[in-house]
Amino acid sequence: MITQADDLVWQQIYNLILNPRTREWERQVLVETKDNVNGFSLNTQLDQLKSELKPLAVRRNLTPDVMDFYLSITGEKQIDTRDKMSRHYQADLPYQERAIFAGGCFWCMVEPFDKLPGIIDVISGYTGGLIAHPSYDEVFSQITGHIESVEIIFDSRQITYQQLLAIYWSLIDPTDEYGQFDDRGESYKPVIFVTNNVQLSLAKKSKTDMINSQLFKKPIVVDIREVLKFWAAENYHQDFYKKNVSRYRAIKRSRKIFLKLLQTKKAMHRIFTIRE
């Protein structure tokens, strides 16, 4: 007897097959599952499907929608980010503002802001590109012009845009225009996207202050651009640091080591600059 839960699973499989963002290999595995519906029980089919998807799932290399489905059929813990996604589309209250920063992989740009007083939400997404509703795979391919970024919705009564800028500068290598840390390419370059003239003025001043500090031997290459359209990323990428704790810690540790080395270089450069 087919239950309502079974119907829901089959519907999810059909939707993923029709989803244009499902990779061809994933689609083939899903089609095989669908075609064997009359030969085996649903549980048997799902066990086979889980074994097929697991090698890429453990490396977090499934497309986001298929990954969400895999987590649902394996019973692994999922964090519901639907409220976060809906908040992106809500109109801001008079005391709310939005800051948009790009600093390499957006997985590592959420936690440093998310836990601060006055932060309402931090949303991973894409901006600066040419096409509407870009997918992660499309942005990763470096063909759309989009850059991975975070949209920070904040309460301006508790935290200022200037404070957010100061944090942003501390999280990046501002001399690297070809990506950040281990993430290379246009979609990972550092950019401050501004939403109004006040932000533009403050961003320019913060960049000028960074240049005048002479902390870096190389030029400061962070772009400042007017934001065109911010597209929220797929559910899988939201709150990555909460959903994938072990992997996030490893990436965070790598970035932290790089930033420590960068700080040491800055200190040495400052010492020799003063001596000169």
C-alpha atoms as a PDB file:
ATOM      1  CA  MET A   1       0.000   0.000   0.000  1.00  0.00           C
ATOM      2  CA  ILE A   2       1.395   3.395  -1.039  1.00  0.00           C
ATOM      3  CA  THR A   3       1.253   5.914   1.780  1.00  0.00           C
ATOM      4  CA  GLN A   4       1.071   9.686   1.607  1.00  0.00           C
ATOM      5  CA  ALA A   5       4.731   9.801   2.679  1.00  0.00           C
ATOM      6  CA  ASP A   6       5.639   7.482  -0.225  1.00  0.00           C
ATOM      7  CA  ASP A   7       3.773   9.739  -2.637  1.00  0.00           C
ATOM      8  CA  LEU A   8       5.756  12.727  -1.341  1.00  0.00           C
ATOM      9  CA  VAL A   9       9.072  10.944  -1.918  1.00  0.00           C
ATOM     10  CA  TRP A  10       8.134   9.975  -5.486  1.00  0.00           C
ATOM     11  CA  GLN A  11       6.997  13.516  -6.176  1.00  0.00           C
ATOM     12  CA  GLN A  12      10.344  14.829  -4.973  1.00  0.00           C
ATOM     13  CA  ILE A  13      12.123  12.380  -7.275  1.00  0.00           C
ATOM     14  CA  TYR A  14      10.008  13.436 -10.267  1.00  0.00           C
ATOM     15  CA  ASN A  15      10.647  17.114  -9.509  1.00  0.00           C
ATOM     16  CA  LEU A  16      14.396  16.534  -9.312  1.00  0.00           C
ATOM     17  CA  ILE A  17      14.369  14.688 -12.635  1.00  0.00           C
ATOM     18  CA  LEU A  18      12.624  17.652 -14.252  1.00  0.00           C
ATOM     19  CA  ASN A  19      14.771  20.223 -12.450  1.00  0.00           C
ATOM     20  CA  PRO A  20      17.137  21.787 -15.044  1.00  0.00           C
ATOM     21  CA  ARG A  21      19.746  22.324 -12.314  1.00  0.00           C
ATOM     22  CA  THR A  22      20.047  18.602 -11.588  1.00  0.00           C
ATOM     23  CA  ARG A  23      23.283  17.260 -13.052  1.00  0.00           C
ATOM     24  CA  GLU A  24      22.971  14.639 -15.787  1.00  0.00           C
ATOM     25  CA  TRP A  25      24.537  11.892 -13.665  1.00  0.00           C
ATOM     26  CA  GLU A  26      22.175  12.658 -10.788  1.00  0.00           C
ATOM     27  CA  ARG A  27      19.213  12.656 -13.172  1.00  0.00           C
ATOM     28  CA  GLN A  28      20.232   9.273 -14.568  1.00  0.00           C
ATOM     29  CA  VAL A  29      20.321   7.731 -11.077  1.00  0.00           C
ATOM     30  CA  LEU A  30      16.930   9.241 -10.234  1.00  0.00           C
ATOM     31  CA  VAL A  31      15.405   7.993 -13.505  1.00  0.00           C
ATOM     32  CA  GLU A  32      16.659   4.474 -12.770  1.00  0.00           C
ATOM     33  CA  THR A  33      14.982   4.670  -9.369  1.00  0.00           C
ATOM     34  CA  LYS A  34      11.726   5.806 -10.962  1.00  0.00           C
ATOM     35  CA  ASP A  35      11.841   3.089 -13.642  1.00  0.00           C
ATOM     36  CA  ASN A  36      12.278   0.348 -11.037  1.00  0.00           C
ATOM     37  CA  VAL A  37       9.222   1.406  -9.053  1.00  0.00           C
ATOM     38  CA  ASN A  38       7.251  -1.727 -10.015  1.00  0.00           C
ATOM     39  CA  GLY A  39      10.063  -4.180  -9.420  1.00  0.00           C
ATOM     40  CA  PHE A  40      11.137  -3.333  -5.891  1.00  0.00           C
ATOM     41  CA  SER A  41       9.736  -1.765  -2.731  1.00  0.00           C
ATOM     42  CA  LEU A  42      10.268   1.930  -2.111  1.00  0.00           C
ATOM     43  CA  ASN A  43      12.588   1.216   0.832  1.00  0.00           C
ATOM     44  CA  THR A  44      14.736  -1.046  -1.322  1.00  0.00           C
ATOM     45  CA  GLN A  45      14.876   1.575  -4.036  1.00  0.00           C
ATOM     46  CA  LEU A  46      15.791   4.316  -1.569  1.00  0.00           C
ATOM     47  CA  ASP A  47      18.567   2.191  -0.062  1.00  0.00           C
ATOM     48  CA  GLN A  48      20.026   1.745  -3.530  1.00  0.00           C
ATOM     49  CA  LEU A  49      19.615   5.445  -4.294  1.00  0.00           C
ATOM     50  CA  LYS A  50      21.342   6.427  -1.045  1.00  0.00           C
ATOM     51  CA  SER A  51      24.305   4.176  -1.852  1.00  0.00           C
ATOM     52  CA  GLU A  52      24.573   5.739  -5.326  1.00  0.00           C
ATOM     53  CA  LEU A  53      24.464   9.305  -4.023  1.00  0.00           C
ATOM     54  CA  LYS A  54      26.584   8.826  -0.898  1.00  0.00           C
ATOM     55  CA  PRO A  55      30.084   9.132  -2.479  1.00  0.00           C
ATOM     56  CA  LEU A  56      29.322  12.656  -3.691  1.00  0.00           C
ATOM     57  CA  ALA A  57      27.158  13.504  -0.676  1.00  0.00           C
ATOM     58  CA  VAL A  58      29.974  12.898   1.828  1.00  0.00           C
ATOM     59  CA  ARG A  59      32.141  15.269  -0.196  1.00  0.00           C
ATOM     60  CA  ARG A  60      29.245  17.773  -0.313  1.00  0.00           C
ATOM     61  CA  ASN A  61      29.406  17.701  -4.097  1.00  0.00           C
ATOM     62  CA  LEU A  62      25.775  17.043  -5.006  1.00  0.00           C
ATOM     63  CA  THR A  63      23.742  19.867  -6.481  1.00  0.00           C
ATOM     64  CA  PRO A  64      21.887  21.711  -3.689  1.00  0.00           C
ATOM     65  CA  ASP A  65      18.378  20.372  -4.337  1.00  0.00           C
ATOM     66  CA  VAL A  66      19.600  16.792  -4.661  1.00  0.00           C
ATOM     67  CA  MET A  67      21.650  17.266  -1.491  1.00  0.00           C
ATOM     68  CA  ASP A  68      18.571  18.416   0.398  1.00  0.00           C
ATOM     69  CA  PHE A  69      16.703  15.348  -0.861  1.00  0.00           C
ATOM     70  CA  TYR A  70      19.565  13.043   0.137  1.00  0.00           C
ATOM     71  CA  LEU A  71      19.569  14.477   3.674  1.00  0.00           C
ATOM     72  CA  SER A  72      15.803  13.988   3.918  1.00  0.00           C
ATOM     73  CA  ILE A  73      15.864  10.302   2.906  1.00  0.00           C
ATOM     74  CA  THR A  74      18.876   9.497   5.119  1.00  0.00           C
ATOM     75  CA  GLY A  75      17.328  11.196   8.124  1.00  0.00           C
ATOM     76  CA  GLU A  76      20.313  13.473   8.660  1.00  0.00           C
ATOM     77  CA  LYS A  77      19.714  16.685  10.560  1.00  0.00           C
ATOM     78  CA  GLN A  78      18.643  19.611   8.435  1.00  0.00           C
ATOM     79  CA  ILE A  79      18.319  23.230   9.448  1.00  0.00           C
ATOM     80  CA  ASP A  80      15.233  24.930   8.103  1.00  0.00           C
ATOM     81  CA  THR A  81      16.265  28.205   6.446  1.00  0.00           C
ATOM     82  CA  ARG A  82      12.938  29.094   4.876  1.00  0.00           C
ATOM     83  CA  ASP A  83      12.491  32.014   7.289  1.00  0.00           C
ATOM     84  CA  LYS A  84      15.894  33.311   6.261  1.00  0.00           C
ATOM     85  CA  MET A  85      14.990  33.127   2.585  1.00  0.00           C
ATOM     86  CA  SER A  86      11.651  34.861   3.100  1.00  0.00           C
ATOM     87  CA  ARG A  87      13.322  37.615   5.123  1.00  0.00           C
ATOM     88  CA  HIS A  88      15.482  38.441   2.121  1.00  0.00           C
ATOM     89  CA  TYR A  89      12.331  39.430   0.216  1.00  0.00           C
ATOM     90  CA  GLN A  90      10.674  41.347   3.047  1.00  0.00           C
ATOM     91  CA  ALA A  91      10.698  45.133   3.064  1.00  0.00           C
ATOM     92  CA  ASP A  92      13.064  46.668   5.602  1.00  0.00           C
ATOM     93  CA  LEU A  93      11.776  48.536   8.629  1.00  0.00           C
ATOM     94  CA  PRO A  94      12.933  52.174   9.026  1.00  0.00           C
ATOM     95  CA  TYR A  95      15.853  51.197  11.283  1.00  0.00           C
ATOM     96  CA  GLN A  96      16.996  48.271   9.123  1.00  0.00           C
ATOM     97  CA  GLU A  97      19.728  48.406   6.494  1.00  0.00           C
ATOM     98  CA  ARG A  98      21.524  45.935   4.250  1.00  0.00           C
ATOM     99  CA  ALA A  99      25.231  45.524   3.629  1.00  0.00           C
ATOM    100  CA  ILE A 100      26.553  43.278   0.871  1.00  0.00           C
ATOM    101  CA  PHE A 101      30.125  42.006   0.948  1.00  0.00           C
ATOM    102  CA  ALA A 102      32.070  39.552  -1.191  1.00  0.00           C
ATOM    103  CA  GLY A 103      35.130  37.985   0.393  1.00  0.00           C
ATOM    104  CA  GLY A 104      35.725  34.600  -1.166  1.00  0.00           C
ATOM    105  CA  CYS A 105      33.565  31.561  -0.438  1.00  0.00           C
ATOM    106  CA  PHE A 106      30.328  32.734   1.184  1.00  0.00           C
ATOM    107  CA  TRP A 107      30.333  29.740   3.550  1.00  0.00           C
ATOM    108  CA  CYS A 108      33.010  31.502   5.618  1.00  0.00           C
ATOM    109  CA  MET A 109      31.498  34.987   5.467  1.00  0.00           C
ATOM    110  CA  VAL A 110      28.368  34.278   7.501  1.00  0.00           C
ATOM    111  CA  GLU A 111      29.421  33.332  11.040  1.00  0.00           C
ATOM    112  CA  PRO A 112      31.686  36.371  11.705  1.00  0.00           C
ATOM    113  CA  PHE A 113      28.670  38.673  11.232  1.00  0.00           C
ATOM    114  CA  ASP A 114      25.832  36.351  12.257  1.00  0.00           C
ATOM    115  CA  LYS A 115      26.634  36.342  15.971  1.00  0.00           C
ATOM    116  CA  LEU A 116      27.012  40.100  16.428  1.00  0.00           C
ATOM    117  CA  PRO A 117      24.440  42.200  18.321  1.00  0.00           C
ATOM    118  CA  GLY A 118      22.145  44.010  15.910  1.00  0.00           C
ATOM    119  CA  ILE A 119      22.469  41.462  13.100  1.00  0.00           C
ATOM    120  CA  ILE A 120      19.020  40.355  11.956  1.00  0.00           C
ATOM    121  CA  ASP A 121      20.142  37.890   9.305  1.00  0.00           C
ATOM    122  CA  VAL A 122      23.037  36.972   7.035  1.00  0.00           C
ATOM    123  CA  ILE A 123      22.083  35.452   3.686  1.00  0.00           C
ATOM    124  CA  SER A 124      24.449  33.753   1.255  1.00  0.00           C
ATOM    125  CA  GLY A 125      23.943  34.594  -2.395  1.00  0.00           C
ATOM    126  CA  TYR A 126      25.229  35.899  -5.688  1.00  0.00           C
ATOM    127  CA  THR A 127      25.446  39.386  -7.141  1.00  0.00           C
ATOM    128  CA  GLY A 128      27.182  41.406  -9.830  1.00  0.00           C
ATOM    129  CA  GLY A 129      26.237  39.085 -12.683  1.00  0.00           C
ATOM    130  CA  LEU A 130      24.275  39.189 -15.903  1.00  0.00           C
ATOM    131  CA  ILE A 131      21.614  36.467 -15.640  1.00  0.00           C
ATOM    132  CA  ALA A 132      18.597  36.104 -13.365  1.00  0.00           C
ATOM    133  CA  HIS A 133      18.275  33.368 -10.732  1.00  0.00           C
ATOM    134  CA  PRO A 134      21.796  31.961 -11.121  1.00  0.00           C
ATOM    135  CA  SER A 135      22.532  28.522  -9.676  1.00  0.00           C
ATOM    136  CA  TYR A 136      25.617  27.586  -7.684  1.00  0.00           C
ATOM    137  CA  ASP A 137      26.962  25.510 -10.585  1.00  0.00           C
ATOM    138  CA  GLU A 138      26.505  28.416 -13.003  1.00  0.00           C
ATOM    139  CA  VAL A 139      28.326  30.855 -10.716  1.00  0.00           C
ATOM    140  CA  PHE A 140      31.056  28.328  -9.958  1.00  0.00           C
ATOM    141  CA  SER A 141      31.652  27.900 -13.703  1.00  0.00           C
ATOM    142  CA  GLN A 142      32.729  31.584 -13.829  1.00  0.00           C
ATOM    143  CA  ILE A 143      30.552  32.340 -16.879  1.00  0.00           C
ATOM    144  CA  THR A 144      27.768  34.484 -15.389  1.00  0.00           C
ATOM    145  CA  GLY A 145      29.777  37.336 -13.879  1.00  0.00           C
ATOM    146  CA  HIS A 146      28.245  36.743 -10.447  1.00  0.00           C
ATOM    147  CA  ILE A 147      30.314  36.839  -7.267  1.00  0.00           C
ATOM    148  CA  GLU A 148      29.613  34.838  -4.129  1.00  0.00           C
ATOM    149  CA  SER A 149      28.600  37.300  -1.427  1.00  0.00           C
ATOM    150  CA  VAL A 150      26.607  37.770   1.749  1.00  0.00           C
ATOM    151  CA  GLU A 151      23.699  40.098   2.384  1.00  0.00           C
ATOM    152  CA  ILE A 152      23.693  41.340   5.980  1.00  0.00           C
ATOM    153  CA  ILE A 153      20.394  42.692   7.284  1.00  0.00           C
ATOM    154  CA  PHE A 154      21.147  44.732  10.382  1.00  0.00           C
ATOM    155  CA  ASP A 155      19.566  47.023  12.959  1.00  0.00           C
ATOM    156  CA  SER A 156      21.323  50.377  12.514  1.00  0.00           C
ATOM    157  CA  ARG A 157      20.383  51.357  16.071  1.00  0.00           C
ATOM    158  CA  GLN A 158      22.668  48.635  17.430  1.00  0.00           C
ATOM    159  CA  ILE A 159      25.459  48.329  14.879  1.00  0.00           C
ATOM    160  CA  THR A 160      26.688  50.680  12.175  1.00  0.00           C
ATOM    161  CA  TYR A 161      27.717  50.174   8.587  1.00  0.00           C
ATOM    162  CA  GLN A 162      31.176  51.476   9.504  1.00  0.00           C
ATOM    163  CA  GLN A 163      31.540  48.698  12.087  1.00  0.00           C
ATOM    164  CA  LEU A 164      30.550  46.103   9.506  1.00  0.00           C
ATOM    165  CA  LEU A 165      33.133  47.510   7.103  1.00  0.00           C
ATOM    166  CA  ALA A 166      35.849  47.194   9.762  1.00  0.00           C
ATOM    167  CA  ILE A 167      34.944  43.536  10.291  1.00  0.00           C
ATOM    168  CA  TYR A 168      34.902  42.915   6.549  1.00  0.00           C
ATOM    169  CA  TRP A 169      38.439  44.252   6.088  1.00  0.00           C
ATOM    170  CA  SER A 170      39.647  41.935   8.881  1.00  0.00           C
ATOM    171  CA  LEU A 171      38.257  38.842   7.091  1.00  0.00           C
ATOM    172  CA  ILE A 172      39.911  39.220   3.698  1.00  0.00           C
ATOM    173  CA  ASP A 173      43.202  39.641   1.886  1.00  0.00           C
ATOM    174  CA  PRO A 174      42.560  43.036   0.254  1.00  0.00           C
ATOM    175  CA  THR A 175      45.572  42.661  -2.056  1.00  0.00           C
ATOM    176  CA  ASP A 176      44.236  39.586  -3.865  1.00  0.00           C
ATOM    177  CA  GLU A 177      42.008  40.475  -6.817  1.00  0.00           C
ATOM    178  CA  TYR A 178      41.887  36.955  -8.269  1.00  0.00           C
ATOM    179  CA  GLY A 179      40.028  35.282  -5.415  1.00  0.00           C
ATOM    180  CA  GLN A 180      40.477  34.705  -1.700  1.00  0.00           C
ATOM    181  CA  PHE A 181      42.635  32.100   0.019  1.00  0.00           C
ATOM    182  CA  ASP A 182      42.072  28.678  -1.605  1.00  0.00           C
ATOM    183  CA  ASP A 183      39.154  29.908  -3.721  1.00  0.00           C
ATOM    184  CA  ARG A 184      40.289  31.262  -7.074  1.00  0.00           C
ATOM    185  CA  GLY A 185      38.479  33.017  -9.902  1.00  0.00           C
ATOM    186  CA  GLU A 186      36.186  35.945 -10.576  1.00  0.00           C
ATOM    187  CA  SER A 187      33.347  34.551  -8.484  1.00  0.00           C
ATOM    188  CA  TYR A 188      35.523  34.751  -5.352  1.00  0.00           C
ATOM    189  CA  LYS A 189      37.086  38.188  -5.716  1.00  0.00           C
ATOM    190  CA  PRO A 190      36.667  40.755  -2.876  1.00  0.00           C
ATOM    191  CA  VAL A 191      34.059  43.437  -3.544  1.00  0.00           C
ATOM    192  CA  ILE A 192      32.055  45.863  -1.422  1.00  0.00           C
ATOM    193  CA  PHE A 193      28.615  46.251  -2.998  1.00  0.00           C
ATOM    194  CA  VAL A 194      26.860  49.440  -1.908  1.00  0.00           C
ATOM    195  CA  THR A 195      23.126  50.090  -1.868  1.00  0.00           C
ATOM    196  CA  ASN A 196      23.104  53.905  -1.610  1.00  0.00           C
ATOM    197  CA  ASN A 197      25.316  57.004  -1.714  1.00  0.00           C
ATOM    198  CA  VAL A 198      25.902  57.007   2.035  1.00  0.00           C
ATOM    199  CA  GLN A 199      27.322  53.485   1.872  1.00  0.00           C
ATOM    200  CA  LEU A 200      29.374  54.471  -1.180  1.00  0.00           C
ATOM    201  CA  SER A 201      30.961  57.369   0.703  1.00  0.00           C
ATOM    202  CA  LEU A 202      31.694  55.269   3.789  1.00  0.00           C
ATOM    203  CA  ALA A 203      33.096  52.384   1.732  1.00  0.00           C
ATOM    204  CA  LYS A 204      35.404  54.711  -0.197  1.00  0.00           C
ATOM    205  CA  LYS A 205      36.627  56.283   3.037  1.00  0.00           C
ATOM    206  CA  SER A 206      37.316  52.868   4.573  1.00  0.00           C
ATOM    207  CA  LYS A 207      39.328  51.864   1.502  1.00  0.00           C
ATOM    208  CA  THR A 208      41.273  55.112   1.585  1.00  0.00           C
ATOM    209  CA  ASP A 209      42.006  54.588   5.284  1.00  0.00           C
ATOM    210  CA  MET A 210      43.250  51.081   4.511  1.00  0.00           C
ATOM    211  CA  ILE A 211      45.546  52.403   1.776  1.00  0.00           C
ATOM    212  CA  ASN A 212      46.861  55.203   3.987  1.00  0.00           C
ATOM    213  CA  SER A 213      47.575  52.765   6.816  1.00  0.00           C
ATOM    214  CA  GLN A 214      50.391  51.319   4.689  1.00  0.00           C
ATOM    215  CA  LEU A 215      49.813  47.943   6.289  1.00  0.00           C
ATOM    216  CA  PHE A 216      50.267  46.194   2.967  1.00  0.00           C
ATOM    217  CA  LYS A 217      53.162  46.296   0.555  1.00  0.00           C
ATOM    218  CA  LYS A 218      50.929  45.323  -2.357  1.00  0.00           C
ATOM    219  CA  PRO A 219      48.120  47.592  -3.656  1.00  0.00           C
ATOM    220  CA  ILE A 220      44.623  47.392  -2.133  1.00  0.00           C
ATOM    221  CA  VAL A 221      42.489  45.959  -4.946  1.00  0.00           C
ATOM    222  CA  VAL A 222      39.034  45.611  -3.355  1.00  0.00           C
ATOM    223  CA  ASP A 223      36.371  46.922  -5.746  1.00  0.00           C
ATOM    224  CA  ILE A 224      33.491  49.132  -4.622  1.00  0.00           C
ATOM    225  CA  ARG A 225      30.427  48.693  -6.825  1.00  0.00           C
ATOM    226  CA  GLU A 226      26.779  49.605  -6.837  1.00  0.00           C
ATOM    227  CA  VAL A 227      24.763  46.462  -6.237  1.00  0.00           C
ATOM    228  CA  LEU A 228      22.575  45.452  -9.168  1.00  0.00           C
ATOM    229  CA  LYS A 229      20.572  42.521  -7.820  1.00  0.00           C
ATOM    230  CA  PHE A 230      21.300  40.141  -4.971  1.00  0.00           C
ATOM    231  CA  TRP A 231      20.089  36.588  -5.575  1.00  0.00           C
ATOM    232  CA  ALA A 232      19.743  34.375  -2.511  1.00  0.00           C
ATOM    233  CA  ALA A 233      21.631  31.089  -2.879  1.00  0.00           C
ATOM    234  CA  GLU A 234      20.035  27.664  -2.621  1.00  0.00           C
ATOM    235  CA  ASN A 235      18.849  26.359   0.751  1.00  0.00           C
ATOM    236  CA  TYR A 236      21.847  24.033   1.092  1.00  0.00           C
ATOM    237  CA  HIS A 237      24.274  26.984   1.201  1.00  0.00           C
ATOM    238  CA  GLN A 238      22.402  28.945   3.867  1.00  0.00           C
ATOM    239  CA  ASP A 239      23.899  28.745   7.386  1.00  0.00           C
ATOM    240  CA  PHE A 240      26.569  26.350   6.137  1.00  0.00           C
ATOM    241  CA  TYR A 241      28.563  26.777   9.334  1.00  0.00           C
ATOM    242  CA  LYS A 242      25.648  25.328  11.317  1.00  0.00           C
ATOM    243  CA  LYS A 243      24.795  22.525   8.900  1.00  0.00           C
ATOM    244  CA  ASN A 244      28.317  21.257   8.201  1.00  0.00           C
ATOM    245  CA  VAL A 245      30.197  21.907  11.422  1.00  0.00           C
ATOM    246  CA  SER A 246      33.261  19.719  10.825  1.00  0.00           C
ATOM    247  CA  ARG A 247      33.853  20.844   7.256  1.00  0.00           C
ATOM    248  CA  TYR A 248      33.298  24.488   8.176  1.00  0.00           C
ATOM    249  CA  ARG A 249      35.802  24.268  11.030  1.00  0.00           C
ATOM    250  CA  ALA A 250      38.436  22.886   8.669  1.00  0.00           C
ATOM    251  CA  ILE A 251      37.874  25.685   6.138  1.00  0.00           C
ATOM    252  CA  LYS A 252      37.764  28.297   8.904  1.00  0.00           C
ATOM    253  CA  ARG A 253      41.030  26.980  10.355  1.00  0.00           C
ATOM    254  CA  SER A 254      42.724  27.221   6.958  1.00  0.00           C
ATOM    255  CA  ARG A 255      41.580  30.820   6.497  1.00  0.00           C
ATOM    256  CA  LYS A 256      42.616  31.689  10.041  1.00  0.00           C
ATOM    257  CA  ILE A 257      46.156  30.393   9.464  1.00  0.00           C
ATOM    258  CA  PHE A 258      46.399  32.380   6.229  1.00  0.00           C
ATOM    259  CA  LEU A 259      45.181  35.557   7.959  1.00  0.00           C
ATOM    260  CA  LYS A 260      47.702  35.052  10.792  1.00  0.00           C
ATOM    261  CA  LEU A 261      50.503  34.826   8.233  1.00  0.00           C
ATOM    262  CA  LEU A 262      49.115  37.890   6.511  1.00  0.00           C
ATOM    263  CA  GLN A 263      49.098  39.798   9.810  1.00  0.00           C
ATOM    264  CA  THR A 264      52.724  38.794  10.418  1.00  0.00           C
ATOM    265  CA  LYS A 265      53.689  40.064   6.988  1.00  0.00           C
ATOM    266  CA  LYS A 266      51.814  43.302   7.684  1.00  0.00           C
ATOM    267  CA  ALA A 267      53.677  43.759  10.965  1.00  0.00           C
ATOM    268  CA  MET A 268      57.067  43.122   9.334  1.00  0.00           C
ATOM    269  CA  HIS A 269      56.257  45.492   6.486  1.00  0.00           C
ATOM    270  CA  ARG A 270      55.254  48.181   8.973  1.00  0.00           C
ATOM    271  CA  ILE A 271      58.490  47.756  10.949  1.00  0.00           C
ATOM    272  CA  PHE A 272      60.708  48.100   7.896  1.00  0.00           C
ATOM    273  CA  THR A 273      58.610  50.987   6.536  1.00  0.00           C
ATOM    274  CA  ILE A 274      59.093  52.904   9.793  1.00  0.00           C
ATOM    275  CA  ARG A 275      62.852  52.212   9.759  1.00  0.00           C
ATOM    276  CA  GLU A 276      63.140  53.566   6.250  1.00  0.00           C
END
